Amino acid sequence: QVQLVESGGGLVQTGGSLRLSCVASGRTFSSDAMAWFRRAPGKERSLIASISASGGVTYYTDSVKGRFTTTRDNAKNTVYLQMNKLTPEDTAVYYCAGRLRGSSYYSSQYDYWGQGTQVTVSS
């Protein structure tokens, strides 16, 4: 049974930064694509970033390009999301997810999920 545990969320002011971490246990995830989703209040959960198994290929949705960076350390079974220049529009619950067969835009195609961590950006 794979477990993902996110951490690093919290309250930050506009323009600030946070780094989220997601640690996997129960499985060596070095062959899995990983992704970050978020669910803002009143909105559906959506993909914001993904990273290939090797870390060599990344994807970012337009709204976070240039501000967010996802990386992974397979030796530590950990994926990260560095978030800079945060705005109130980034307020959401952030989830990490893993997929055994490559990245996908669709949350339904991910095989395992973390519990989420709240990020709140004040104006």
N, C-alpha and C. Protein backbone atom coordinates (compact mmCIF):
# COMPACT_ATOMS: atom_id res chain seq x y z
N GLN A 1 0.84 -1.18 0.00
CA GLN A 1 0.00 0.00 0.00
C GLN A 1 0.89 1.25 0.00
N VAL A 2 0.72 2.05 -1.04
CA VAL A 2 1.54 3.26 -1.14
C VAL A 2 0.89 4.38 -0.32
N GLN A 3 1.71 5.09 0.37
CA GLN A 3 1.22 6.27 1.09
C GLN A 3 2.05 7.48 0.68
N LEU A 4 1.35 8.59 0.46
CA LEU A 4 2.01 9.86 0.19
C LEU A 4 1.63 10.82 1.31
N VAL A 5 2.63 11.50 1.83
CA VAL A 5 2.38 12.48 2.88
C VAL A 5 2.96 13.82 2.45
N GLU A 6 2.06 14.80 2.29
CA GLU A 6 2.50 16.14 1.93
C GLU A 6 2.76 16.96 3.18
N SER A 7 3.65 17.89 3.04
CA SER A 7 3.91 18.85 4.13
C SER A 7 4.41 20.15 3.51
N GLY A 8 4.45 21.17 4.34
CA GLY A 8 4.99 22.45 3.88
C GLY A 8 3.96 23.52 3.61
N GLY A 9 2.69 23.16 3.68
CA GLY A 9 1.66 24.18 3.46
C GLY A 9 1.58 25.14 4.63
N GLY A 10 0.77 26.17 4.45
CA GLY A 10 0.60 27.15 5.52
C GLY A 10 0.06 28.45 5.00
N LEU A 11 0.19 29.47 5.82
CA LEU A 11 -0.28 30.81 5.49
C LEU A 11 0.92 31.68 5.12
N VAL A 12 0.78 32.38 4.00
CA VAL A 12 1.87 33.22 3.52
C VAL A 12 1.27 34.47 2.91
N GLN A 13 2.01 35.54 2.91
CA GLN A 13 1.53 36.78 2.31
C GLN A 13 1.78 36.79 0.81
N THR A 14 1.03 37.61 0.12
CA THR A 14 1.23 37.78 -1.32
C THR A 14 2.69 38.10 -1.62
N GLY A 15 3.22 37.39 -2.61
CA GLY A 15 4.62 37.58 -2.98
C GLY A 15 5.57 36.64 -2.27
N GLY A 16 5.07 35.92 -1.30
CA GLY A 16 5.91 35.02 -0.54
C GLY A 16 6.13 33.68 -1.24
N SER A 17 6.83 32.81 -0.54
CA SER A 17 7.20 31.50 -1.09
C SER A 17 6.90 30.40 -0.09
N LEU A 18 6.64 29.23 -0.62
CA LEU A 18 6.51 28.01 0.17
C LEU A 18 7.12 26.87 -0.62
N ARG A 19 7.60 25.87 0.09
CA ARG A 19 8.03 24.64 -0.56
C ARG A 19 7.27 23.47 0.02
N LEU A 20 6.54 22.81 -0.84
CA LEU A 20 5.81 21.61 -0.44
C LEU A 20 6.68 20.38 -0.67
N SER A 21 6.55 19.43 0.22
CA SER A 21 7.23 18.14 0.07
C SER A 21 6.18 17.04 0.08
N CYS A 22 6.50 15.98 -0.61
CA CYS A 22 5.61 14.81 -0.66
C CYS A 22 6.49 13.58 -0.57
N VAL A 23 6.34 12.85 0.52
CA VAL A 23 7.17 11.67 0.75
C VAL A 23 6.35 10.42 0.53
N ALA A 24 6.90 9.51 -0.25
CA ALA A 24 6.23 8.25 -0.53
C ALA A 24 6.78 7.14 0.35
N SER A 25 5.91 6.28 0.80
CA SER A 25 6.32 5.09 1.53
C SER A 25 5.50 3.91 1.04
N GLY A 26 6.06 2.72 1.22
CA GLY A 26 5.36 1.53 0.78
C GLY A 26 5.64 1.16 -0.65
N ARG A 27 6.41 1.99 -1.32
CA ARG A 27 6.72 1.72 -2.72
C ARG A 27 7.92 2.58 -3.12
N THR A 28 8.79 2.01 -3.93
CA THR A 28 9.87 2.81 -4.51
C THR A 28 9.31 3.49 -5.74
N PHE A 29 9.18 4.80 -5.68
CA PHE A 29 8.42 5.48 -6.71
C PHE A 29 9.30 5.99 -7.86
N SER A 30 10.53 5.52 -7.91
CA SER A 30 11.45 6.03 -8.91
C SER A 30 11.03 5.74 -10.34
N SER A 31 10.10 4.81 -10.54
CA SER A 31 9.62 4.54 -11.89
C SER A 31 8.27 5.17 -12.18
N ASP A 32 7.77 5.94 -11.22
CA ASP A 32 6.44 6.54 -11.35
C ASP A 32 6.54 8.02 -11.70
N ALA A 33 5.63 8.46 -12.55
CA ALA A 33 5.46 9.89 -12.74
C ALA A 33 4.74 10.46 -11.52
N MET A 34 5.08 11.67 -11.16
CA MET A 34 4.44 12.32 -10.01
C MET A 34 3.84 13.64 -10.46
N ALA A 35 2.84 14.06 -9.76
CA ALA A 35 2.16 15.30 -10.14
C ALA A 35 1.66 16.03 -8.91
N TRP A 36 1.42 17.30 -9.12
CA TRP A 36 0.79 18.15 -8.12
C TRP A 36 -0.53 18.67 -8.68
N PHE A 37 -1.55 18.52 -7.89
CA PHE A 37 -2.87 19.06 -8.20
C PHE A 37 -3.24 20.05 -7.10
N ARG A 38 -4.21 20.88 -7.40
CA ARG A 38 -4.76 21.72 -6.35
C ARG A 38 -6.27 21.87 -6.54
N ARG A 39 -6.93 22.09 -5.41
CA ARG A 39 -8.36 22.35 -5.42
C ARG A 39 -8.60 23.65 -4.68
N ALA A 40 -8.96 24.66 -5.45
CA ALA A 40 -9.29 25.96 -4.86
C ALA A 40 -10.74 25.94 -4.39
N PRO A 41 -11.09 26.81 -3.47
CA PRO A 41 -12.47 26.86 -2.98
C PRO A 41 -13.47 27.02 -4.12
N GLY A 42 -14.45 26.14 -4.18
CA GLY A 42 -15.48 26.22 -5.20
C GLY A 42 -15.07 25.74 -6.57
N LYS A 43 -13.88 25.18 -6.69
CA LYS A 43 -13.40 24.73 -8.00
C LYS A 43 -13.04 23.25 -7.96
N GLU A 44 -12.90 22.69 -9.13
CA GLU A 44 -12.50 21.30 -9.22
C GLU A 44 -10.99 21.16 -9.04
N ARG A 45 -10.58 19.97 -8.66
CA ARG A 45 -9.17 19.70 -8.55
C ARG A 45 -8.54 19.72 -9.94
N SER A 46 -7.38 20.37 -10.08
CA SER A 46 -6.76 20.49 -11.40
C SER A 46 -5.26 20.30 -11.29
N LEU A 47 -4.70 19.82 -12.39
CA LEU A 47 -3.26 19.58 -12.47
C LEU A 47 -2.53 20.91 -12.57
N ILE A 48 -1.48 21.07 -11.78
CA ILE A 48 -0.66 22.26 -11.91
C ILE A 48 0.76 21.95 -12.33
N ALA A 49 1.27 20.76 -12.02
CA ALA A 49 2.64 20.43 -12.39
C ALA A 49 2.79 18.92 -12.37
N SER A 50 3.69 18.44 -13.21
CA SER A 50 4.02 17.02 -13.17
C SER A 50 5.50 16.86 -13.49
N ILE A 51 6.01 15.69 -13.13
CA ILE A 51 7.42 15.41 -13.36
C ILE A 51 7.56 13.93 -13.70
N SER A 52 8.38 13.66 -14.69
CA SER A 52 8.57 12.28 -15.12
C SER A 52 9.37 11.50 -14.09
N ALA A 53 9.42 10.20 -14.29
CA ALA A 53 10.08 9.32 -13.32
C ALA A 53 11.54 9.72 -13.09
N SER A 54 12.21 10.07 -14.16
CA SER A 54 13.62 10.44 -14.05
C SER A 54 13.82 11.87 -13.59
N GLY A 55 12.75 12.65 -13.68
CA GLY A 55 12.86 14.08 -13.35
C GLY A 55 13.23 14.93 -14.54
N GLY A 56 13.43 14.30 -15.69
CA GLY A 56 13.91 15.04 -16.83
C GLY A 56 12.86 15.82 -17.59
N VAL A 57 11.61 15.47 -17.40
CA VAL A 57 10.52 16.14 -18.11
C VAL A 57 9.53 16.68 -17.09
N THR A 58 9.22 17.96 -17.22
CA THR A 58 8.25 18.57 -16.33
C THR A 58 7.17 19.27 -17.14
N TYR A 59 6.05 19.46 -16.50
CA TYR A 59 4.93 20.19 -17.09
C TYR A 59 4.39 21.14 -16.04
N TYR A 60 3.98 22.34 -16.53
CA TYR A 60 3.34 23.31 -15.64
C TYR A 60 2.14 23.92 -16.35
N THR A 61 1.08 24.07 -15.62
CA THR A 61 -0.04 24.79 -16.19
C THR A 61 0.33 26.27 -16.31
N ASP A 62 -0.31 26.96 -17.22
CA ASP A 62 0.09 28.33 -17.53
C ASP A 62 0.10 29.26 -16.31
N SER A 63 -0.85 29.06 -15.44
CA SER A 63 -0.98 30.00 -14.31
C SER A 63 0.18 29.94 -13.32
N VAL A 64 0.97 28.87 -13.37
CA VAL A 64 2.09 28.75 -12.42
C VAL A 64 3.46 28.76 -13.10
N LYS A 65 3.47 28.76 -14.40
CA LYS A 65 4.75 28.76 -15.13
C LYS A 65 5.59 29.95 -14.72
N GLY A 66 6.87 29.69 -14.49
CA GLY A 66 7.77 30.76 -14.11
C GLY A 66 7.75 31.07 -12.63
N ARG A 67 6.77 30.51 -11.90
CA ARG A 67 6.69 30.76 -10.45
C ARG A 67 6.88 29.48 -9.63
N PHE A 68 6.40 28.36 -10.16
CA PHE A 68 6.47 27.08 -9.45
C PHE A 68 7.48 26.17 -10.13
N THR A 69 8.16 25.37 -9.32
CA THR A 69 9.10 24.39 -9.85
C THR A 69 8.93 23.08 -9.09
N THR A 70 8.77 22.01 -9.84
CA THR A 70 8.71 20.70 -9.21
C THR A 70 9.99 19.93 -9.48
N THR A 71 10.49 19.28 -8.46
CA THR A 71 11.68 18.45 -8.55
C THR A 71 11.44 17.18 -7.75
N ARG A 72 12.32 16.24 -7.91
CA ARG A 72 12.19 15.00 -7.14
C ARG A 72 13.57 14.49 -6.76
N ASP A 73 13.60 13.77 -5.66
CA ASP A 73 14.80 13.09 -5.19
C ASP A 73 14.40 11.63 -5.01
N ASN A 74 14.71 10.83 -6.00
CA ASN A 74 14.28 9.43 -5.95
C ASN A 74 14.96 8.66 -4.82
N ALA A 75 16.14 9.06 -4.46
CA ALA A 75 16.83 8.40 -3.35
C ALA A 75 16.09 8.60 -2.03
N LYS A 76 15.35 9.71 -1.94
CA LYS A 76 14.59 10.01 -0.73
C LYS A 76 13.11 9.75 -0.89
N ASN A 77 12.72 9.22 -2.05
CA ASN A 77 11.30 8.98 -2.32
C ASN A 77 10.46 10.24 -2.10
N THR A 78 10.98 11.36 -2.54
CA THR A 78 10.35 12.64 -2.24
C THR A 78 10.24 13.48 -3.50
N VAL A 79 9.10 14.14 -3.63
CA VAL A 79 8.90 15.11 -4.69
C VAL A 79 8.59 16.46 -4.03
N TYR A 80 9.05 17.52 -4.68
CA TYR A 80 8.92 18.86 -4.11
C TYR A 80 8.17 19.78 -5.07
N LEU A 81 7.56 20.79 -4.49
CA LEU A 81 6.97 21.87 -5.27
C LEU A 81 7.39 23.18 -4.64
N GLN A 82 8.29 23.87 -5.31
CA GLN A 82 8.72 25.19 -4.87
C GLN A 82 7.77 26.22 -5.47
N MET A 83 7.17 27.02 -4.61
CA MET A 83 6.18 28.00 -5.07
C MET A 83 6.65 29.39 -4.69
N ASN A 84 6.85 30.21 -5.69
CA ASN A 84 7.32 31.59 -5.49
C ASN A 84 6.28 32.57 -6.00
N LYS A 85 6.41 33.81 -5.56
CA LYS A 85 5.52 34.89 -6.01
C LYS A 85 4.06 34.49 -5.86
N LEU A 86 3.73 33.99 -4.72
CA LEU A 86 2.37 33.51 -4.48
C LEU A 86 1.37 34.66 -4.45
N THR A 87 0.19 34.37 -4.93
CA THR A 87 -0.92 35.32 -4.94
C THR A 87 -2.14 34.67 -4.28
N PRO A 88 -3.13 35.47 -3.91
CA PRO A 88 -4.34 34.88 -3.31
C PRO A 88 -5.00 33.83 -4.22
N GLU A 89 -4.80 33.94 -5.53
CA GLU A 89 -5.37 32.95 -6.45
C GLU A 89 -4.73 31.58 -6.31
N ASP A 90 -3.61 31.50 -5.62
CA ASP A 90 -2.97 30.21 -5.38
C ASP A 90 -3.50 29.52 -4.13
N THR A 91 -4.39 30.17 -3.41
CA THR A 91 -4.98 29.55 -2.22
C THR A 91 -5.76 28.30 -2.62
N ALA A 92 -5.41 27.18 -2.01
CA ALA A 92 -6.02 25.90 -2.38
C ALA A 92 -5.47 24.81 -1.46
N VAL A 93 -6.10 23.65 -1.57
CA VAL A 93 -5.50 22.44 -1.01
C VAL A 93 -4.66 21.81 -2.11
N TYR A 94 -3.43 21.51 -1.78
CA TYR A 94 -2.49 20.96 -2.75
C TYR A 94 -2.28 19.47 -2.48
N TYR A 95 -2.35 18.70 -3.55
CA TYR A 95 -2.21 17.25 -3.46
C TYR A 95 -1.07 16.78 -4.34
N CYS A 96 -0.34 15.80 -3.88
CA CYS A 96 0.56 15.10 -4.79
C CYS A 96 -0.05 13.75 -5.14
N ALA A 97 0.34 13.26 -6.29
CA ALA A 97 -0.22 12.01 -6.80
C ALA A 97 0.83 11.30 -7.63
N GLY A 98 0.68 9.98 -7.70
CA GLY A 98 1.62 9.18 -8.47
C GLY A 98 0.93 8.33 -9.51
N ARG A 99 1.61 8.11 -10.60
CA ARG A 99 1.05 7.28 -11.67
C ARG A 99 2.13 6.33 -12.17
N LEU A 100 1.74 5.09 -12.30
CA LEU A 100 2.72 4.05 -12.64
C LEU A 100 3.15 4.13 -14.10
N ARG A 101 2.30 4.71 -14.96
CA ARG A 101 2.58 4.65 -16.40
C ARG A 101 2.62 6.03 -17.02
N GLY A 102 3.49 6.88 -16.52
CA GLY A 102 3.69 8.17 -17.16
C GLY A 102 2.72 9.22 -16.67
N SER A 103 3.02 10.46 -17.02
CA SER A 103 2.19 11.57 -16.56
C SER A 103 0.87 11.61 -17.31
N SER A 104 -0.09 12.27 -16.69
CA SER A 104 -1.40 12.46 -17.31
C SER A 104 -1.97 13.78 -16.82
N TYR A 105 -2.81 14.38 -17.67
CA TYR A 105 -3.51 15.59 -17.26
C TYR A 105 -4.68 15.28 -16.31
N TYR A 106 -5.12 14.05 -16.32
CA TYR A 106 -6.39 13.71 -15.69
C TYR A 106 -6.21 13.07 -14.32
N SER A 107 -6.82 13.64 -13.33
CA SER A 107 -6.66 13.14 -11.97
C SER A 107 -7.14 11.70 -11.83
N SER A 108 -8.14 11.32 -12.61
CA SER A 108 -8.67 9.96 -12.51
C SER A 108 -7.68 8.90 -12.92
N GLN A 109 -6.62 9.31 -13.61
CA GLN A 109 -5.65 8.35 -14.10
C GLN A 109 -4.46 8.17 -13.17
N TYR A 110 -4.49 8.85 -12.04
CA TYR A 110 -3.41 8.68 -11.08
C TYR A 110 -3.76 7.55 -10.12
N ASP A 111 -2.73 6.83 -9.72
CA ASP A 111 -2.93 5.59 -8.97
C ASP A 111 -2.94 5.78 -7.46
N TYR A 112 -2.27 6.77 -6.97
CA TYR A 112 -2.25 6.97 -5.53
C TYR A 112 -2.07 8.45 -5.22
N TRP A 113 -2.60 8.84 -4.06
CA TRP A 113 -2.73 10.24 -3.68
C TRP A 113 -2.31 10.49 -2.24
N GLY A 114 -1.85 11.71 -2.03
CA GLY A 114 -1.67 12.17 -0.66
C GLY A 114 -2.95 12.77 -0.11
N GLN A 115 -2.90 13.16 1.13
CA GLN A 115 -4.10 13.66 1.81
C GLN A 115 -4.32 15.15 1.56
N GLY A 116 -3.33 15.83 1.06
CA GLY A 116 -3.46 17.25 0.77
C GLY A 116 -2.90 18.11 1.87
N THR A 117 -2.45 19.29 1.47
CA THR A 117 -1.97 20.28 2.43
C THR A 117 -2.52 21.64 2.02
N GLN A 118 -2.97 22.40 2.99
CA GLN A 118 -3.60 23.68 2.72
C GLN A 118 -2.55 24.77 2.53
N VAL A 119 -2.73 25.53 1.47
CA VAL A 119 -1.92 26.74 1.23
C VAL A 119 -2.87 27.92 1.19
N THR A 120 -2.62 28.90 2.00
CA THR A 120 -3.44 30.10 2.03
C THR A 120 -2.54 31.31 1.84
N VAL A 121 -2.91 32.13 0.84
CA VAL A 121 -2.12 33.32 0.54
C VAL A 121 -2.98 34.53 0.87
N SER A 122 -2.50 35.35 1.76
CA SER A 122 -3.25 36.53 2.16
C SER A 122 -2.84 37.73 1.32
N SER A 123 -3.81 38.61 1.13
CA SER A 123 -3.53 39.80 0.32
C SER A 123 -3.00 40.94 1.17
